[in-house]
Amino acid sequence: MTSPPASVRPMSAADRPVAERLWLMFRHDMADYQGGLPSPDATYHSDRLNAALADGDWAAYLFTSGDHPVGFAFVRALSGPARVLNSFFVVRGARRSGIGMAAVRDVISRHPGPWEIAFQDANTTAVSFWRRVATELAGQAWTEERRPVPHRPGVPPDVWISFTA
C-alpha cells in the first residue's frame, strides 16, 4: 500500500498537541546520537519546540500524509544572515518514501537565501540525506564543516552543511 504524498503547512496553535507527541518521538530518536534521558515526567526538554511555536524569528511546519502527521521542521533565524533548519523529523513509518525530501524542499523554498543544517556524524542516515539535499538544491555549491556543540564539551562536534537556495 502506497502512502499519499506528504503535504507541508505552517503549524498553528491547534497543532501543539500533535507537535508535542512528534517532538517526543524525535527526541527519543536523537538520544541515539546525542544521549540524554527523558525527564521524570517522561518528556524531553522542549525549548526548541516552544520557540518554534511562539518566537516570531522561528517557523514551524507540520508534514502530513492524508490525515496522518508524519513529521515536522523547525526553522530559526528567519531574520538572520542564514536560516537554520533547527529540527527536522519524519516518523519511521514514512522514512525512505520520499516524504522527507519533498518536505525539506518545500520548507526551504518558503525561505530563499542562505541555509545552515546541522546533524551528527554518527547518524549515517542523516549524513547521506543532508548531503543529498544540499547537492539537489545547490549542486556543488555547498560546504560542510564540524563545529563544537555549545555547552557540551564531551560530545562530538556537529556537522554543519551550508548552501544558498
N, C-alpha and C. Protein backbone atom coordinates (compact mmCIF):
# COMPACT_ATOMS: atom_id res chain seq x y z
N MET A 1 0.84 -1.18 0.00
CA MET A 1 0.00 0.00 0.00
C MET A 1 0.89 1.24 0.00
N THR A 2 0.65 2.15 -0.90
CA THR A 2 1.45 3.37 -1.02
C THR A 2 0.81 4.48 -0.20
N SER A 3 1.65 5.24 0.50
CA SER A 3 1.17 6.38 1.28
C SER A 3 0.86 7.52 0.35
N PRO A 4 -0.17 8.33 0.69
CA PRO A 4 -0.39 9.55 -0.09
C PRO A 4 0.82 10.47 0.05
N PRO A 5 1.04 11.33 -0.94
CA PRO A 5 2.18 12.25 -0.81
C PRO A 5 2.01 13.15 0.40
N ALA A 6 3.12 13.63 0.89
CA ALA A 6 3.09 14.50 2.07
C ALA A 6 2.69 15.90 1.68
N SER A 7 2.03 16.57 2.59
CA SER A 7 1.81 18.00 2.44
C SER A 7 2.49 18.68 3.62
N VAL A 8 2.89 19.91 3.39
CA VAL A 8 3.60 20.70 4.39
C VAL A 8 2.78 21.96 4.63
N ARG A 9 2.57 22.28 5.91
CA ARG A 9 1.86 23.51 6.22
C ARG A 9 2.41 24.10 7.51
N PRO A 10 2.30 25.43 7.65
CA PRO A 10 2.73 26.03 8.91
C PRO A 10 1.91 25.46 10.07
N MET A 11 2.56 25.24 11.20
CA MET A 11 1.84 24.78 12.39
C MET A 11 1.06 25.95 12.97
N SER A 12 -0.07 25.61 13.56
CA SER A 12 -0.88 26.60 14.27
C SER A 12 -0.92 26.21 15.75
N ALA A 13 -1.49 27.06 16.57
CA ALA A 13 -1.62 26.76 18.00
C ALA A 13 -2.40 25.46 18.21
N ALA A 14 -3.35 25.18 17.33
CA ALA A 14 -4.14 23.95 17.45
C ALA A 14 -3.30 22.70 17.21
N ASP A 15 -2.16 22.84 16.56
CA ASP A 15 -1.28 21.70 16.28
C ASP A 15 -0.36 21.35 17.44
N ARG A 16 -0.37 22.14 18.50
CA ARG A 16 0.57 21.92 19.60
C ARG A 16 0.54 20.50 20.16
N PRO A 17 -0.63 19.90 20.45
CA PRO A 17 -0.61 18.53 20.98
C PRO A 17 0.07 17.54 20.03
N VAL A 18 -0.17 17.67 18.74
CA VAL A 18 0.47 16.79 17.76
C VAL A 18 1.97 17.06 17.73
N ALA A 19 2.34 18.34 17.74
CA ALA A 19 3.76 18.71 17.73
C ALA A 19 4.47 18.14 18.96
N GLU A 20 3.82 18.20 20.11
CA GLU A 20 4.45 17.67 21.33
C GLU A 20 4.69 16.17 21.24
N ARG A 21 3.74 15.44 20.67
CA ARG A 21 3.93 13.99 20.53
C ARG A 21 5.01 13.66 19.50
N LEU A 22 5.01 14.38 18.39
CA LEU A 22 6.08 14.17 17.40
C LEU A 22 7.44 14.53 18.01
N TRP A 23 7.47 15.59 18.83
CA TRP A 23 8.72 16.01 19.48
C TRP A 23 9.28 14.88 20.35
N LEU A 24 8.40 14.20 21.09
CA LEU A 24 8.86 13.08 21.92
C LEU A 24 9.51 12.00 21.07
N MET A 25 8.90 11.69 19.92
CA MET A 25 9.49 10.68 19.02
C MET A 25 10.84 11.15 18.50
N PHE A 26 10.90 12.40 18.10
CA PHE A 26 12.16 12.98 17.59
C PHE A 26 13.26 12.91 18.64
N ARG A 27 12.97 13.40 19.84
CA ARG A 27 14.00 13.41 20.90
C ARG A 27 14.41 11.98 21.28
N HIS A 28 13.47 11.07 21.27
CA HIS A 28 13.79 9.66 21.54
C HIS A 28 14.77 9.15 20.49
N ASP A 29 14.50 9.41 19.22
CA ASP A 29 15.41 9.00 18.15
C ASP A 29 16.78 9.66 18.31
N MET A 30 16.80 10.96 18.64
CA MET A 30 18.06 11.68 18.73
C MET A 30 18.91 11.24 19.92
N ALA A 31 18.30 10.62 20.91
CA ALA A 31 19.06 10.13 22.07
C ALA A 31 20.11 9.11 21.63
N ASP A 32 19.89 8.44 20.50
CA ASP A 32 20.90 7.51 19.98
C ASP A 32 22.19 8.23 19.61
N TYR A 33 22.10 9.52 19.27
CA TYR A 33 23.26 10.28 18.79
C TYR A 33 23.72 11.35 19.75
N GLN A 34 22.79 11.86 20.56
CA GLN A 34 23.12 12.97 21.45
C GLN A 34 23.06 12.58 22.92
N GLY A 35 22.61 11.37 23.21
CA GLY A 35 22.47 10.94 24.59
C GLY A 35 21.29 11.62 25.25
N GLY A 36 21.18 11.42 26.53
CA GLY A 36 20.12 12.08 27.29
C GLY A 36 18.96 11.15 27.59
N LEU A 37 18.47 11.29 28.79
CA LEU A 37 17.31 10.54 29.24
C LEU A 37 16.12 11.47 29.34
N PRO A 38 14.91 10.91 29.29
CA PRO A 38 13.75 11.78 29.49
C PRO A 38 13.72 12.32 30.92
N SER A 39 12.97 13.38 31.10
CA SER A 39 12.74 13.96 32.43
C SER A 39 11.90 12.99 33.26
N PRO A 40 11.79 13.21 34.57
CA PRO A 40 10.99 12.31 35.41
C PRO A 40 9.54 12.13 34.93
N ASP A 41 9.00 13.15 34.22
CA ASP A 41 7.62 13.01 33.72
C ASP A 41 7.57 12.38 32.33
N ALA A 42 8.69 11.80 31.87
CA ALA A 42 8.81 11.10 30.58
C ALA A 42 8.78 12.04 29.38
N THR A 43 9.06 13.31 29.58
CA THR A 43 9.20 14.24 28.46
C THR A 43 10.67 14.55 28.27
N TYR A 44 10.98 15.22 27.18
CA TYR A 44 12.33 15.72 26.91
C TYR A 44 12.28 17.24 26.94
N HIS A 45 13.43 17.86 27.15
CA HIS A 45 13.44 19.33 27.13
C HIS A 45 12.81 19.80 25.82
N SER A 46 12.04 20.85 25.91
CA SER A 46 11.28 21.28 24.73
C SER A 46 11.46 22.76 24.43
N ASP A 47 12.64 23.31 24.75
CA ASP A 47 12.87 24.73 24.48
C ASP A 47 12.77 25.04 22.99
N ARG A 48 13.29 24.16 22.13
CA ARG A 48 13.21 24.42 20.69
C ARG A 48 11.77 24.32 20.19
N LEU A 49 11.03 23.36 20.70
CA LEU A 49 9.61 23.24 20.34
C LEU A 49 8.86 24.51 20.74
N ASN A 50 9.07 24.95 21.97
CA ASN A 50 8.39 26.17 22.45
C ASN A 50 8.77 27.38 21.61
N ALA A 51 10.04 27.53 21.31
CA ALA A 51 10.48 28.66 20.49
C ALA A 51 9.87 28.60 19.10
N ALA A 52 9.87 27.40 18.51
CA ALA A 52 9.35 27.26 17.15
C ALA A 52 7.88 27.65 17.06
N LEU A 53 7.14 27.41 18.14
CA LEU A 53 5.71 27.71 18.12
C LEU A 53 5.38 29.12 18.59
N ALA A 54 6.33 29.81 19.23
CA ALA A 54 6.00 31.11 19.81
C ALA A 54 6.86 32.28 19.37
N ASP A 55 8.08 32.04 18.95
CA ASP A 55 9.03 33.10 18.62
C ASP A 55 8.85 33.52 17.16
N GLY A 56 8.69 34.80 16.93
CA GLY A 56 8.48 35.32 15.58
C GLY A 56 9.65 35.14 14.63
N ASP A 57 10.83 34.82 15.16
CA ASP A 57 12.00 34.61 14.31
C ASP A 57 12.17 33.12 13.96
N TRP A 58 11.17 32.32 14.31
CA TRP A 58 11.14 30.90 14.01
C TRP A 58 9.92 30.60 13.14
N ALA A 59 9.96 29.47 12.43
CA ALA A 59 8.80 28.96 11.70
C ALA A 59 8.72 27.47 11.97
N ALA A 60 7.51 27.00 12.21
CA ALA A 60 7.28 25.57 12.47
C ALA A 60 6.35 25.03 11.39
N TYR A 61 6.71 23.88 10.84
CA TYR A 61 5.93 23.25 9.78
C TYR A 61 5.56 21.84 10.17
N LEU A 62 4.35 21.43 9.82
CA LEU A 62 3.86 20.08 10.07
C LEU A 62 3.75 19.37 8.73
N PHE A 63 4.23 18.13 8.68
CA PHE A 63 4.11 17.29 7.49
C PHE A 63 2.99 16.29 7.75
N THR A 64 2.12 16.14 6.77
CA THR A 64 1.05 15.15 6.89
C THR A 64 1.00 14.32 5.62
N SER A 65 0.52 13.10 5.77
CA SER A 65 0.25 12.22 4.64
C SER A 65 -1.20 11.78 4.82
N GLY A 66 -2.08 12.29 3.97
CA GLY A 66 -3.50 12.11 4.23
C GLY A 66 -3.83 12.83 5.52
N ASP A 67 -4.48 12.14 6.45
CA ASP A 67 -4.78 12.78 7.73
C ASP A 67 -3.80 12.36 8.83
N HIS A 68 -2.68 11.78 8.43
CA HIS A 68 -1.68 11.29 9.38
C HIS A 68 -0.52 12.28 9.52
N PRO A 69 -0.19 12.71 10.73
CA PRO A 69 1.01 13.54 10.92
C PRO A 69 2.23 12.65 10.71
N VAL A 70 3.16 13.10 9.88
CA VAL A 70 4.34 12.27 9.58
C VAL A 70 5.66 12.99 9.86
N GLY A 71 5.62 14.23 10.35
CA GLY A 71 6.88 14.89 10.67
C GLY A 71 6.73 16.38 10.85
N PHE A 72 7.89 17.01 11.06
CA PHE A 72 7.91 18.45 11.26
C PHE A 72 9.28 19.01 10.90
N ALA A 73 9.31 20.33 10.75
CA ALA A 73 10.56 21.07 10.59
C ALA A 73 10.43 22.36 11.39
N PHE A 74 11.52 22.73 12.08
CA PHE A 74 11.60 24.00 12.79
C PHE A 74 12.75 24.78 12.17
N VAL A 75 12.45 25.99 11.74
CA VAL A 75 13.43 26.87 11.13
C VAL A 75 13.62 28.06 12.07
N ARG A 76 14.88 28.42 12.35
CA ARG A 76 15.14 29.59 13.18
C ARG A 76 16.00 30.57 12.41
N ALA A 77 16.17 31.74 13.01
CA ALA A 77 17.00 32.81 12.44
C ALA A 77 16.42 33.31 11.11
N LEU A 78 15.10 33.43 11.05
CA LEU A 78 14.47 33.91 9.82
C LEU A 78 14.94 35.31 9.44
N SER A 79 15.29 36.12 10.42
CA SER A 79 15.75 37.47 10.13
C SER A 79 17.27 37.57 10.11
N GLY A 80 17.95 36.46 10.31
CA GLY A 80 19.41 36.46 10.35
C GLY A 80 20.03 36.33 8.97
N PRO A 81 21.34 36.29 8.93
CA PRO A 81 22.02 36.18 7.64
C PRO A 81 21.80 34.81 6.97
N ALA A 82 21.52 33.76 7.77
CA ALA A 82 21.24 32.43 7.21
C ALA A 82 20.14 31.79 8.03
N ARG A 83 19.20 31.15 7.33
CA ARG A 83 18.18 30.38 8.02
C ARG A 83 18.82 29.10 8.53
N VAL A 84 18.36 28.63 9.68
CA VAL A 84 18.91 27.41 10.27
C VAL A 84 17.77 26.39 10.39
N LEU A 85 17.95 25.26 9.74
CA LEU A 85 16.98 24.17 9.91
C LEU A 85 17.34 23.52 11.24
N ASN A 86 16.63 23.94 12.28
CA ASN A 86 16.98 23.59 13.65
C ASN A 86 16.61 22.18 14.01
N SER A 87 15.45 21.73 13.58
CA SER A 87 14.98 20.38 13.86
C SER A 87 14.19 19.90 12.66
N PHE A 88 14.41 18.65 12.27
CA PHE A 88 13.71 18.06 11.13
C PHE A 88 13.46 16.61 11.48
N PHE A 89 12.22 16.17 11.32
CA PHE A 89 11.85 14.82 11.74
C PHE A 89 10.80 14.23 10.82
N VAL A 90 11.00 12.97 10.46
CA VAL A 90 10.00 12.17 9.74
C VAL A 90 9.82 10.88 10.53
N VAL A 91 8.57 10.50 10.81
CA VAL A 91 8.31 9.29 11.58
C VAL A 91 8.85 8.07 10.83
N ARG A 92 9.23 7.07 11.59
CA ARG A 92 9.86 5.88 11.00
C ARG A 92 9.03 5.25 9.89
N GLY A 93 7.72 5.17 10.08
CA GLY A 93 6.87 4.54 9.08
C GLY A 93 6.81 5.27 7.75
N ALA A 94 7.27 6.51 7.71
CA ALA A 94 7.24 7.31 6.47
C ALA A 94 8.63 7.52 5.88
N ARG A 95 9.66 7.03 6.54
CA ARG A 95 11.02 7.23 6.04
C ARG A 95 11.26 6.37 4.79
N ARG A 96 12.17 6.85 3.98
CA ARG A 96 12.56 6.19 2.73
C ARG A 96 11.40 6.10 1.71
N SER A 97 10.45 7.04 1.85
CA SER A 97 9.31 7.07 0.95
C SER A 97 9.35 8.30 0.04
N GLY A 98 10.33 9.19 0.25
CA GLY A 98 10.39 10.44 -0.49
C GLY A 98 9.74 11.60 0.24
N ILE A 99 9.04 11.31 1.34
CA ILE A 99 8.36 12.36 2.09
C ILE A 99 9.36 13.37 2.65
N GLY A 100 10.47 12.89 3.20
CA GLY A 100 11.45 13.80 3.79
C GLY A 100 12.03 14.76 2.76
N MET A 101 12.41 14.23 1.60
CA MET A 101 12.99 15.09 0.56
C MET A 101 11.95 16.10 0.06
N ALA A 102 10.73 15.65 -0.17
CA ALA A 102 9.69 16.57 -0.63
C ALA A 102 9.42 17.64 0.43
N ALA A 103 9.38 17.26 1.69
CA ALA A 103 9.10 18.22 2.76
C ALA A 103 10.22 19.23 2.91
N VAL A 104 11.47 18.78 2.88
CA VAL A 104 12.58 19.73 3.05
C VAL A 104 12.66 20.69 1.86
N ARG A 105 12.39 20.20 0.66
CA ARG A 105 12.36 21.10 -0.50
C ARG A 105 11.30 22.18 -0.31
N ASP A 106 10.12 21.78 0.15
CA ASP A 106 9.02 22.71 0.37
C ASP A 106 9.40 23.75 1.42
N VAL A 107 9.91 23.30 2.56
CA VAL A 107 10.26 24.22 3.65
C VAL A 107 11.33 25.21 3.19
N ILE A 108 12.37 24.72 2.55
CA ILE A 108 13.46 25.61 2.11
C ILE A 108 12.97 26.60 1.06
N SER A 109 12.07 26.16 0.18
CA SER A 109 11.57 27.07 -0.86
C SER A 109 10.77 28.23 -0.27
N ARG A 110 10.25 28.07 0.94
CA ARG A 110 9.48 29.14 1.59
C ARG A 110 10.38 30.24 2.16
N HIS A 111 11.67 29.96 2.25
CA HIS A 111 12.61 30.92 2.85
C HIS A 111 13.88 30.97 2.00
N PRO A 112 13.82 31.54 0.80
CA PRO A 112 15.00 31.56 -0.06
C PRO A 112 16.16 32.32 0.57
N GLY A 113 17.35 31.88 0.22
CA GLY A 113 18.56 32.53 0.73
C GLY A 113 19.52 31.52 1.32
N PRO A 114 20.46 31.99 2.13
CA PRO A 114 21.45 31.09 2.74
C PRO A 114 20.81 30.20 3.81
N TRP A 115 21.29 28.97 3.89
CA TRP A 115 20.81 27.97 4.84
C TRP A 115 21.96 27.28 5.54
N GLU A 116 21.71 26.86 6.79
CA GLU A 116 22.63 26.00 7.53
C GLU A 116 21.83 24.87 8.17
N ILE A 117 22.37 23.66 8.10
CA ILE A 117 21.71 22.48 8.65
C ILE A 117 22.76 21.67 9.40
N ALA A 118 22.45 21.31 10.64
CA ALA A 118 23.38 20.54 11.47
C ALA A 118 22.87 19.12 11.66
N PHE A 119 23.82 18.19 11.79
CA PHE A 119 23.50 16.80 12.09
C PHE A 119 24.73 16.16 12.70
N GLN A 120 24.59 14.92 13.13
CA GLN A 120 25.69 14.22 13.80
C GLN A 120 26.30 13.18 12.86
N ASP A 121 27.63 13.10 12.85
CA ASP A 121 28.34 12.11 12.04
C ASP A 121 27.86 10.69 12.30
N ALA A 122 27.54 10.38 13.57
CA ALA A 122 27.14 9.02 13.92
C ALA A 122 25.80 8.63 13.31
N ASN A 123 25.01 9.62 12.92
CA ASN A 123 23.71 9.36 12.31
C ASN A 123 23.92 9.21 10.80
N THR A 124 24.36 8.04 10.38
CA THR A 124 24.77 7.83 8.99
C THR A 124 23.63 8.08 8.00
N THR A 125 22.41 7.79 8.40
CA THR A 125 21.27 8.06 7.52
C THR A 125 21.14 9.56 7.28
N ALA A 126 21.28 10.36 8.35
CA ALA A 126 21.20 11.81 8.21
C ALA A 126 22.36 12.34 7.37
N VAL A 127 23.55 11.79 7.55
CA VAL A 127 24.71 12.24 6.78
C VAL A 127 24.41 12.15 5.28
N SER A 128 23.96 10.98 4.83
CA SER A 128 23.71 10.82 3.39
C SER A 128 22.50 11.65 2.95
N PHE A 129 21.46 11.74 3.79
CA PHE A 129 20.28 12.52 3.43
C PHE A 129 20.62 13.99 3.24
N TRP A 130 21.32 14.59 4.21
CA TRP A 130 21.58 16.03 4.12
C TRP A 130 22.59 16.36 3.03
N ARG A 131 23.52 15.50 2.75
CA ARG A 131 24.42 15.73 1.61
C ARG A 131 23.65 15.66 0.30
N ARG A 132 22.69 14.73 0.22
CA ARG A 132 21.86 14.63 -0.99
C ARG A 132 20.98 15.88 -1.13
N VAL A 133 20.40 16.36 -0.02
CA VAL A 133 19.59 17.58 -0.06
C VAL A 133 20.43 18.75 -0.57
N ALA A 134 21.61 18.93 0.00
CA ALA A 134 22.47 20.06 -0.40
C ALA A 134 22.81 19.98 -1.89
N THR A 135 23.14 18.79 -2.36
CA THR A 135 23.50 18.62 -3.77
C THR A 135 22.30 18.88 -4.67
N GLU A 136 21.13 18.38 -4.30
CA GLU A 136 19.93 18.61 -5.11
C GLU A 136 19.56 20.09 -5.18
N LEU A 137 19.72 20.80 -4.06
CA LEU A 137 19.29 22.20 -4.01
C LEU A 137 20.36 23.19 -4.44
N ALA A 138 21.63 22.83 -4.29
CA ALA A 138 22.70 23.80 -4.58
C ALA A 138 23.77 23.26 -5.51
N GLY A 139 23.57 22.08 -6.09
CA GLY A 139 24.62 21.50 -6.94
C GLY A 139 25.86 21.23 -6.10
N GLN A 140 27.00 21.67 -6.58
CA GLN A 140 28.24 21.50 -5.82
C GLN A 140 28.58 22.73 -4.96
N ALA A 141 27.68 23.71 -4.96
CA ALA A 141 27.94 24.97 -4.24
C ALA A 141 27.46 24.88 -2.79
N TRP A 142 27.99 23.92 -2.05
CA TRP A 142 27.69 23.81 -0.62
C TRP A 142 28.96 23.43 0.11
N THR A 143 28.97 23.74 1.40
CA THR A 143 30.14 23.43 2.22
C THR A 143 29.72 22.61 3.42
N GLU A 144 30.70 21.96 4.01
CA GLU A 144 30.48 21.15 5.20
C GLU A 144 31.61 21.41 6.17
N GLU A 145 31.25 21.62 7.45
CA GLU A 145 32.27 21.82 8.48
C GLU A 145 31.79 21.23 9.79
N ARG A 146 32.72 20.94 10.67
CA ARG A 146 32.40 20.45 12.00
C ARG A 146 32.56 21.59 13.00
N ARG A 147 31.54 21.74 13.88
CA ARG A 147 31.56 22.80 14.89
C ARG A 147 31.28 22.18 16.25
N PRO A 148 31.98 22.64 17.28
CA PRO A 148 31.70 22.13 18.63
C PRO A 148 30.24 22.42 19.03
N VAL A 149 29.69 21.52 19.81
CA VAL A 149 28.33 21.72 20.33
C VAL A 149 28.43 22.62 21.55
N PRO A 150 27.76 23.78 21.52
CA PRO A 150 27.87 24.72 22.65
C PRO A 150 27.44 24.07 23.98
N HIS A 151 28.22 24.31 25.01
CA HIS A 151 27.93 23.86 26.38
C HIS A 151 27.93 22.34 26.53
N ARG A 152 28.49 21.61 25.56
CA ARG A 152 28.54 20.15 25.66
C ARG A 152 29.91 19.67 25.18
N PRO A 153 30.95 19.96 25.96
CA PRO A 153 32.31 19.65 25.52
C PRO A 153 32.58 18.15 25.36
N GLY A 154 31.78 17.31 25.98
CA GLY A 154 32.04 15.87 25.90
C GLY A 154 31.42 15.17 24.71
N VAL A 155 30.69 15.89 23.87
CA VAL A 155 30.06 15.24 22.72
C VAL A 155 30.82 15.61 21.44
N PRO A 156 30.77 14.72 20.45
CA PRO A 156 31.45 15.03 19.19
C PRO A 156 30.85 16.28 18.54
N PRO A 157 31.64 16.97 17.73
CA PRO A 157 31.13 18.17 17.07
C PRO A 157 29.99 17.83 16.12
N ASP A 158 29.10 18.80 15.89
CA ASP A 158 28.06 18.65 14.89
C ASP A 158 28.66 18.90 13.51
N VAL A 159 28.07 18.30 12.51
CA VAL A 159 28.40 18.58 11.12
C VAL A 159 27.41 19.63 10.64
N TRP A 160 27.90 20.67 10.02
CA TRP A 160 27.06 21.75 9.50
C TRP A 160 27.23 21.83 7.99
N ILE A 161 26.13 21.77 7.28
CA ILE A 161 26.12 21.98 5.83
C ILE A 161 25.56 23.37 5.59
N SER A 162 26.18 24.11 4.68
CA SER A 162 25.74 25.46 4.33
C SER A 162 25.58 25.55 2.82
N PHE A 163 24.52 26.21 2.38
CA PHE A 163 24.27 26.43 0.95
C PHE A 163 23.27 27.55 0.79
N THR A 164 23.08 28.00 -0.44
CA THR A 164 22.08 29.01 -0.74
C THR A 164 21.07 28.41 -1.69
N ALA A 165 19.80 28.64 -1.37
CA ALA A 165 18.71 28.11 -2.22
C ALA A 165 17.76 29.24 -2.57
